[in-house]
Amino acid sequence: MRENYDFSKMKGRKNPYTKYLKQPVTMRLDKDSIAYFKGLAEESGIPYQTLINLYLRDCASNERKLDMKWR
């Protein structure tokens, strides 16, 4: 390996992964909902927050709408 490197001629480039970065949010979820995803996390070995993200991403990509009627 060299002792010194010359980076002055190096050209910068935009990070191609910035569109995949996650944004932190604060949400209030029912205890039952969290318990459900934590149970799935134990079964699958995937962190529960990742499971929630995957579920929401699947809903968004398939444009699923909640069919719910308020009384």
PDB file of N, CA and C in Angstrom:
ATOM      1  N   MET A   1       0.830  -1.192   0.000  1.00  0.00           N
ATOM      2  CA  MET A   1       0.000   0.000   0.000  1.00  0.00           C
ATOM      3  C   MET A   1       0.870   1.249   0.000  1.00  0.00           C
ATOM      4  N   ARG A   2       0.348   2.271  -0.574  1.00  0.00           N
ATOM      5  CA  ARG A   2       1.060   3.541  -0.579  1.00  0.00           C
ATOM      6  C   ARG A   2       0.955   4.199   0.792  1.00  0.00           C
ATOM      7  N   GLU A   3       1.923   5.040   1.043  1.00  0.00           N
ATOM      8  CA  GLU A   3       1.897   5.774   2.303  1.00  0.00           C
ATOM      9  C   GLU A   3       0.940   6.959   2.195  1.00  0.00           C
ATOM     10  N   ASN A   4       0.877   7.593   1.010  1.00  0.00           N
ATOM     11  CA  ASN A   4       0.000   8.746   0.785  1.00  0.00           C
ATOM     12  C   ASN A   4      -0.750   8.556  -0.522  1.00  0.00           C
ATOM     13  N   TYR A   5      -1.964   9.047  -0.557  1.00  0.00           N
ATOM     14  CA  TYR A   5      -2.776   8.999  -1.770  1.00  0.00           C
ATOM     15  C   TYR A   5      -3.159  10.417  -2.160  1.00  0.00           C
ATOM     16  N   ASP A   6      -3.254  10.678  -3.458  1.00  0.00           N
ATOM     17  CA  ASP A   6      -3.625  11.995  -3.961  1.00  0.00           C
ATOM     18  C   ASP A   6      -5.090  11.954  -4.410  1.00  0.00           C
ATOM     19  N   PHE A   7      -5.957  12.566  -3.621  1.00  0.00           N
ATOM     20  CA  PHE A   7      -7.389  12.592  -3.927  1.00  0.00           C
ATOM     21  C   PHE A   7      -7.813  13.884  -4.614  1.00  0.00           C
ATOM     22  N   SER A   8      -6.874  14.761  -4.931  1.00  0.00           N
ATOM     23  CA  SER A   8      -7.217  16.057  -5.510  1.00  0.00           C
ATOM     24  C   SER A   8      -7.811  15.927  -6.917  1.00  0.00           C
ATOM     25  N   LYS A   9      -7.465  14.889  -7.644  1.00  0.00           N
ATOM     26  CA  LYS A   9      -7.963  14.709  -9.015  1.00  0.00           C
ATOM     27  C   LYS A   9      -9.218  13.835  -9.070  1.00  0.00           C
ATOM     28  N   MET A  10      -9.661  13.390  -7.929  1.00  0.00           N
ATOM     29  CA  MET A  10     -10.820  12.502  -7.869  1.00  0.00           C
ATOM     30  C   MET A  10     -12.109  13.292  -8.088  1.00  0.00           C
ATOM     31  N   LYS A  11     -12.986  12.760  -8.910  1.00  0.00           N
ATOM     32  CA  LYS A  11     -14.262  13.413  -9.174  1.00  0.00           C
ATOM     33  C   LYS A  11     -15.318  12.861  -8.231  1.00  0.00           C
ATOM     34  N   GLY A  12     -16.135  13.757  -7.689  1.00  0.00           N
ATOM     35  CA  GLY A  12     -17.212  13.346  -6.794  1.00  0.00           C
ATOM     36  C   GLY A  12     -18.393  12.804  -7.576  1.00  0.00           C
ATOM     37  N   ARG A  13     -19.165  11.990  -6.922  1.00  0.00           N
ATOM     38  CA  ARG A  13     -20.328  11.409  -7.580  1.00  0.00           C
ATOM     39  C   ARG A  13     -21.436  11.267  -6.535  1.00  0.00           C
ATOM     40  N   LYS A  14     -22.652  11.431  -6.966  1.00  0.00           N
ATOM     41  CA  LYS A  14     -23.800  11.349  -6.072  1.00  0.00           C
ATOM     42  C   LYS A  14     -23.979   9.914  -5.585  1.00  0.00           C
ATOM     43  N   ASN A  15     -24.332   9.777  -4.325  1.00  0.00           N
ATOM     44  CA  ASN A  15     -24.557   8.453  -3.745  1.00  0.00           C
ATOM     45  C   ASN A  15     -25.797   7.829  -4.390  1.00  0.00           C
ATOM     46  N   PRO A  16     -25.669   6.667  -5.050  1.00  0.00           N
ATOM     47  CA  PRO A  16     -26.825   6.064  -5.723  1.00  0.00           C
ATOM     48  C   PRO A  16     -27.831   5.448  -4.750  1.00  0.00           C
ATOM     49  N   TYR A  17     -27.469   5.332  -3.491  1.00  0.00           N
ATOM     50  CA  TYR A  17     -28.350   4.684  -2.518  1.00  0.00           C
ATOM     51  C   TYR A  17     -29.165   5.669  -1.681  1.00  0.00           C
ATOM     52  N   THR A  18     -29.037   6.973  -1.929  1.00  0.00           N
ATOM     53  CA  THR A  18     -29.771   7.937  -1.114  1.00  0.00           C
ATOM     54  C   THR A  18     -31.281   7.782  -1.241  1.00  0.00           C
ATOM     55  N   LYS A  19     -31.762   7.290  -2.378  1.00  0.00           N
ATOM     56  CA  LYS A  19     -33.213   7.118  -2.528  1.00  0.00           C
ATOM     57  C   LYS A  19     -33.735   5.958  -1.676  1.00  0.00           C
ATOM     58  N   TYR A  20     -32.832   5.113  -1.184  1.00  0.00           N
ATOM     59  CA  TYR A  20     -33.245   3.966  -0.374  1.00  0.00           C
ATOM     60  C   TYR A  20     -33.117   4.226   1.132  1.00  0.00           C
ATOM     61  N   LEU A  21     -32.679   5.422   1.521  1.00  0.00           N
ATOM     62  CA  LEU A  21     -32.533   5.728   2.936  1.00  0.00           C
ATOM     63  C   LEU A  21     -33.904   5.785   3.606  1.00  0.00           C
ATOM     64  N   LYS A  22     -33.937   5.407   4.848  1.00  0.00           N
ATOM     65  CA  LYS A  22     -35.198   5.405   5.582  1.00  0.00           C
ATOM     66  C   LYS A  22     -35.323   6.682   6.394  1.00  0.00           C
ATOM     67  N   GLN A  23     -36.557   7.116   6.574  1.00  0.00           N
ATOM     68  CA  GLN A  23     -36.840   8.324   7.334  1.00  0.00           C
ATOM     69  C   GLN A  23     -37.452   7.926   8.666  1.00  0.00           C
ATOM     70  N   PRO A  24     -36.881   8.383   9.772  1.00  0.00           N
ATOM     71  CA  PRO A  24     -37.466   8.039  11.065  1.00  0.00           C
ATOM     72  C   PRO A  24     -38.802   8.772  11.272  1.00  0.00           C
ATOM     73  N   VAL A  25     -39.783   8.050  11.811  1.00  0.00           N
ATOM     74  CA  VAL A  25     -41.087   8.635  12.120  1.00  0.00           C
ATOM     75  C   VAL A  25     -41.522   8.158  13.504  1.00  0.00           C
ATOM     76  N   THR A  26     -42.416   8.907  14.093  1.00  0.00           N
ATOM     77  CA  THR A  26     -42.999   8.510  15.368  1.00  0.00           C
ATOM     78  C   THR A  26     -44.459   8.182  15.118  1.00  0.00           C
ATOM     79  N   MET A  27     -44.860   6.983  15.529  1.00  0.00           N
ATOM     80  CA  MET A  27     -46.244   6.547  15.336  1.00  0.00           C
ATOM     81  C   MET A  27     -46.768   5.979  16.638  1.00  0.00           C
ATOM     82  N   ARG A  28     -48.041   6.143  16.865  1.00  0.00           N
ATOM     83  CA  ARG A  28     -48.682   5.519  18.016  1.00  0.00           C
ATOM     84  C   ARG A  28     -49.454   4.310  17.503  1.00  0.00           C
ATOM     85  N   LEU A  29     -49.048   3.125  17.961  1.00  0.00           N
ATOM     86  CA  LEU A  29     -49.674   1.884  17.524  1.00  0.00           C
ATOM     87  C   LEU A  29     -50.269   1.171  18.732  1.00  0.00           C
ATOM     88  N   ASP A  30     -51.332   0.413  18.498  1.00  0.00           N
ATOM     89  CA  ASP A  30     -51.948  -0.380  19.561  1.00  0.00           C
ATOM     90  C   ASP A  30     -50.972  -1.441  20.067  1.00  0.00           C
ATOM     91  N   LYS A  31     -51.112  -1.780  21.338  1.00  0.00           N
ATOM     92  CA  LYS A  31     -50.259  -2.817  21.919  1.00  0.00           C
ATOM     93  C   LYS A  31     -50.468  -4.150  21.212  1.00  0.00           C
ATOM     94  N   ASP A  32     -51.712  -4.428  20.826  1.00  0.00           N
ATOM     95  CA  ASP A  32     -52.013  -5.681  20.127  1.00  0.00           C
ATOM     96  C   ASP A  32     -51.297  -5.755  18.773  1.00  0.00           C
ATOM     97  N   SER A  33     -51.250  -4.635  18.069  1.00  0.00           N
ATOM     98  CA  SER A  33     -50.577  -4.612  16.767  1.00  0.00           C
ATOM     99  C   SER A  33     -49.084  -4.865  16.931  1.00  0.00           C
ATOM    100  N   ILE A  34     -48.493  -4.228  17.916  1.00  0.00           N
ATOM    101  CA  ILE A  34     -47.058  -4.418  18.152  1.00  0.00           C
ATOM    102  C   ILE A  34     -46.790  -5.844  18.596  1.00  0.00           C
ATOM    103  N   ALA A  35     -47.642  -6.383  19.450  1.00  0.00           N
ATOM    104  CA  ALA A  35     -47.462  -7.766  19.911  1.00  0.00           C
ATOM    105  C   ALA A  35     -47.549  -8.734  18.732  1.00  0.00           C
ATOM    106  N   TYR A  36     -48.448  -8.459  17.801  1.00  0.00           N
ATOM    107  CA  TYR A  36     -48.588  -9.312  16.616  1.00  0.00           C
ATOM    108  C   TYR A  36     -47.288  -9.335  15.807  1.00  0.00           C
ATOM    109  N   PHE A  37     -46.751  -8.153  15.519  1.00  0.00           N
ATOM    110  CA  PHE A  37     -45.533  -8.087  14.716  1.00  0.00           C
ATOM    111  C   PHE A  37     -44.321  -8.603  15.491  1.00  0.00           C
ATOM    112  N   LYS A  38     -44.298  -8.427  16.794  1.00  0.00           N
ATOM    113  CA  LYS A  38     -43.197  -8.981  17.584  1.00  0.00           C
ATOM    114  C   LYS A  38     -43.256 -10.509  17.581  1.00  0.00           C
ATOM    115  N   GLY A  39     -44.464 -11.069  17.590  1.00  0.00           N
ATOM    116  CA  GLY A  39     -44.617 -12.521  17.483  1.00  0.00           C
ATOM    117  C   GLY A  39     -44.113 -13.032  16.147  1.00  0.00           C
ATOM    118  N   LEU A  40     -44.475 -12.316  15.074  1.00  0.00           N
ATOM    119  CA  LEU A  40     -43.975 -12.683  13.746  1.00  0.00           C
ATOM    120  C   LEU A  40     -42.455 -12.562  13.683  1.00  0.00           C
ATOM    121  N   ALA A  41     -41.921 -11.561  14.370  1.00  0.00           N
ATOM    122  CA  ALA A  41     -40.472 -11.355  14.378  1.00  0.00           C
ATOM    123  C   ALA A  41     -39.755 -12.521  15.040  1.00  0.00           C
ATOM    124  N   GLU A  42     -40.318 -13.034  16.117  1.00  0.00           N
ATOM    125  CA  GLU A  42     -39.706 -14.169  16.792  1.00  0.00           C
ATOM    126  C   GLU A  42     -39.732 -15.415  15.904  1.00  0.00           C
ATOM    127  N   GLU A  43     -40.828 -15.608  15.196  1.00  0.00           N
ATOM    128  CA  GLU A  43     -40.948 -16.768  14.303  1.00  0.00           C
ATOM    129  C   GLU A  43     -39.984 -16.684  13.126  1.00  0.00           C
ATOM    130  N   SER A  44     -39.859 -15.493  12.547  1.00  0.00           N
ATOM    131  CA  SER A  44     -39.091 -15.347  11.317  1.00  0.00           C
ATOM    132  C   SER A  44     -37.640 -14.953  11.537  1.00  0.00           C
ATOM    133  N   GLY A  45     -37.341 -14.390  12.711  1.00  0.00           N
ATOM    134  CA  GLY A  45     -35.978 -13.931  12.956  1.00  0.00           C
ATOM    135  C   GLY A  45     -35.684 -12.573  12.339  1.00  0.00           C
ATOM    136  N   ILE A  46     -36.724 -11.876  11.892  1.00  0.00           N
ATOM    137  CA  ILE A  46     -36.590 -10.539  11.311  1.00  0.00           C
ATOM    138  C   ILE A  46     -37.072  -9.536  12.353  1.00  0.00           C
ATOM    139  N   PRO A  47     -36.366  -8.433  12.572  1.00  0.00           N
ATOM    140  CA  PRO A  47     -36.822  -7.436  13.547  1.00  0.00           C
ATOM    141  C   PRO A  47     -38.239  -6.940  13.237  1.00  0.00           C
ATOM    142  N   TYR A  48     -39.016  -6.694  14.295  1.00  0.00           N
ATOM    143  CA  TYR A  48     -40.431  -6.350  14.091  1.00  0.00           C
ATOM    144  C   TYR A  48     -40.608  -5.043  13.332  1.00  0.00           C
ATOM    145  N   GLN A  49     -39.703  -4.075  13.522  1.00  0.00           N
ATOM    146  CA  GLN A  49     -39.827  -2.819  12.792  1.00  0.00           C
ATOM    147  C   GLN A  49     -39.603  -3.040  11.302  1.00  0.00           C
ATOM    148  N   THR A  50     -38.721  -3.956  10.959  1.00  0.00           N
ATOM    149  CA  THR A  50     -38.492  -4.299   9.555  1.00  0.00           C
ATOM    150  C   THR A  50     -39.730  -4.969   8.972  1.00  0.00           C
ATOM    151  N   LEU A  51     -40.381  -5.838   9.758  1.00  0.00           N
ATOM    152  CA  LEU A  51     -41.608  -6.490   9.283  1.00  0.00           C
ATOM    153  C   LEU A  51     -42.715  -5.467   9.030  1.00  0.00           C
ATOM    154  N   ILE A  52     -42.858  -4.515   9.936  1.00  0.00           N
ATOM    155  CA  ILE A  52     -43.873  -3.465   9.748  1.00  0.00           C
ATOM    156  C   ILE A  52     -43.563  -2.675   8.481  1.00  0.00           C
ATOM    157  N   ASN A  53     -42.288  -2.333   8.278  1.00  0.00           N
ATOM    158  CA  ASN A  53     -41.885  -1.594   7.077  1.00  0.00           C
ATOM    159  C   ASN A  53     -42.171  -2.401   5.819  1.00  0.00           C
ATOM    160  N   LEU A  54     -41.847  -3.695   5.833  1.00  0.00           N
ATOM    161  CA  LEU A  54     -42.108  -4.542   4.672  1.00  0.00           C
ATOM    162  C   LEU A  54     -43.601  -4.639   4.371  1.00  0.00           C
ATOM    163  N   TYR A  55     -44.417  -4.743   5.426  1.00  0.00           N
ATOM    164  CA  TYR A  55     -45.865  -4.826   5.238  1.00  0.00           C
ATOM    165  C   TYR A  55     -46.400  -3.528   4.628  1.00  0.00           C
ATOM    166  N   LEU A  56     -45.963  -2.391   5.164  1.00  0.00           N
ATOM    167  CA  LEU A  56     -46.427  -1.104   4.638  1.00  0.00           C
ATOM    168  C   LEU A  56     -45.942  -0.877   3.210  1.00  0.00           C
ATOM    169  N   ARG A  57     -44.702  -1.295   2.919  1.00  0.00           N
ATOM    170  CA  ARG A  57     -44.174  -1.158   1.559  1.00  0.00           C
ATOM    171  C   ARG A  57     -44.982  -2.001   0.589  1.00  0.00           C
ATOM    172  N   ASP A  58     -45.356  -3.221   1.009  1.00  0.00           N
ATOM    173  CA  ASP A  58     -46.165  -4.098   0.156  1.00  0.00           C
ATOM    174  C   ASP A  58     -47.529  -3.465  -0.114  1.00  0.00           C
ATOM    175  N   CYS A  59     -48.135  -2.887   0.915  1.00  0.00           N
ATOM    176  CA  CYS A  59     -49.431  -2.214   0.727  1.00  0.00           C
ATOM    177  C   CYS A  59     -49.302  -1.043  -0.244  1.00  0.00           C
ATOM    178  N   ALA A  60     -48.238  -0.261  -0.089  1.00  0.00           N
ATOM    179  CA  ALA A  60     -48.048   0.904  -0.957  1.00  0.00           C
ATOM    180  C   ALA A  60     -47.756   0.500  -2.395  1.00  0.00           C
ATOM    181  N   SER A  61     -46.906  -0.506  -2.582  1.00  0.00           N
ATOM    182  CA  SER A  61     -46.547  -0.898  -3.948  1.00  0.00           C
ATOM    183  C   SER A  61     -47.711  -1.548  -4.687  1.00  0.00           C
ATOM    184  N   ASN A  62     -48.606  -2.205  -3.945  1.00  0.00           N
ATOM    185  CA  ASN A  62     -49.783  -2.823  -4.560  1.00  0.00           C
ATOM    186  C   ASN A  62     -51.016  -1.923  -4.491  1.00  0.00           C
ATOM    187  N   GLU A  63     -50.821  -0.705  -4.006  1.00  0.00           N
ATOM    188  CA  GLU A  63     -51.887   0.303  -3.890  1.00  0.00           C
ATOM    189  C   GLU A  63     -53.124  -0.251  -3.202  1.00  0.00           C
ATOM    190  N   ARG A  64     -52.901  -0.977  -2.112  1.00  0.00           N
ATOM    191  CA  ARG A  64     -54.022  -1.513  -1.349  1.00  0.00           C
ATOM    192  C   ARG A  64     -54.710  -0.398  -0.578  1.00  0.00           C
ATOM    193  N   LYS A  65     -56.006  -0.436  -0.576  1.00  0.00           N
ATOM    194  CA  LYS A  65     -56.811   0.541   0.164  1.00  0.00           C
ATOM    195  C   LYS A  65     -57.551  -0.189   1.270  1.00  0.00           C
ATOM    196  N   LEU A  66     -57.703   0.461   2.400  1.00  0.00           N
ATOM    197  CA  LEU A  66     -58.427  -0.113   3.515  1.00  0.00           C
ATOM    198  C   LEU A  66     -59.916   0.024   3.253  1.00  0.00           C
ATOM    199  N   ASP A  67     -60.626  -1.079   3.254  1.00  0.00           N
ATOM    200  CA  ASP A  67     -62.063  -1.080   3.034  1.00  0.00           C
ATOM    201  C   ASP A  67     -62.735  -1.136   4.401  1.00  0.00           C
ATOM    202  N   MET A  68     -62.994   0.028   4.953  1.00  0.00           N
ATOM    203  CA  MET A  68     -63.519   0.100   6.320  1.00  0.00           C
ATOM    204  C   MET A  68     -64.648   1.104   6.358  1.00  0.00           C
ATOM    205  N   LYS A  69     -65.712   0.763   7.043  1.00  0.00           N
ATOM    206  CA  LYS A  69     -66.853   1.652   7.167  1.00  0.00           C
ATOM    207  C   LYS A  69     -67.056   1.987   8.637  1.00  0.00           C
ATOM    208  N   TRP A  70     -67.111   3.277   8.946  1.00  0.00           N
ATOM    209  CA  TRP A  70     -67.334   3.718  10.323  1.00  0.00           C
ATOM    210  C   TRP A  70     -68.811   3.693  10.627  1.00  0.00           C
ATOM    211  N   ARG A  71     -69.142   3.308  11.819  1.00  0.00           N
ATOM    212  CA  ARG A  71     -70.547   3.252  12.212  1.00  0.00           C
ATOM    213  C   ARG A  71     -71.041   4.580  12.658  1.00  0.00           C
TER     214      ARG A  71
END
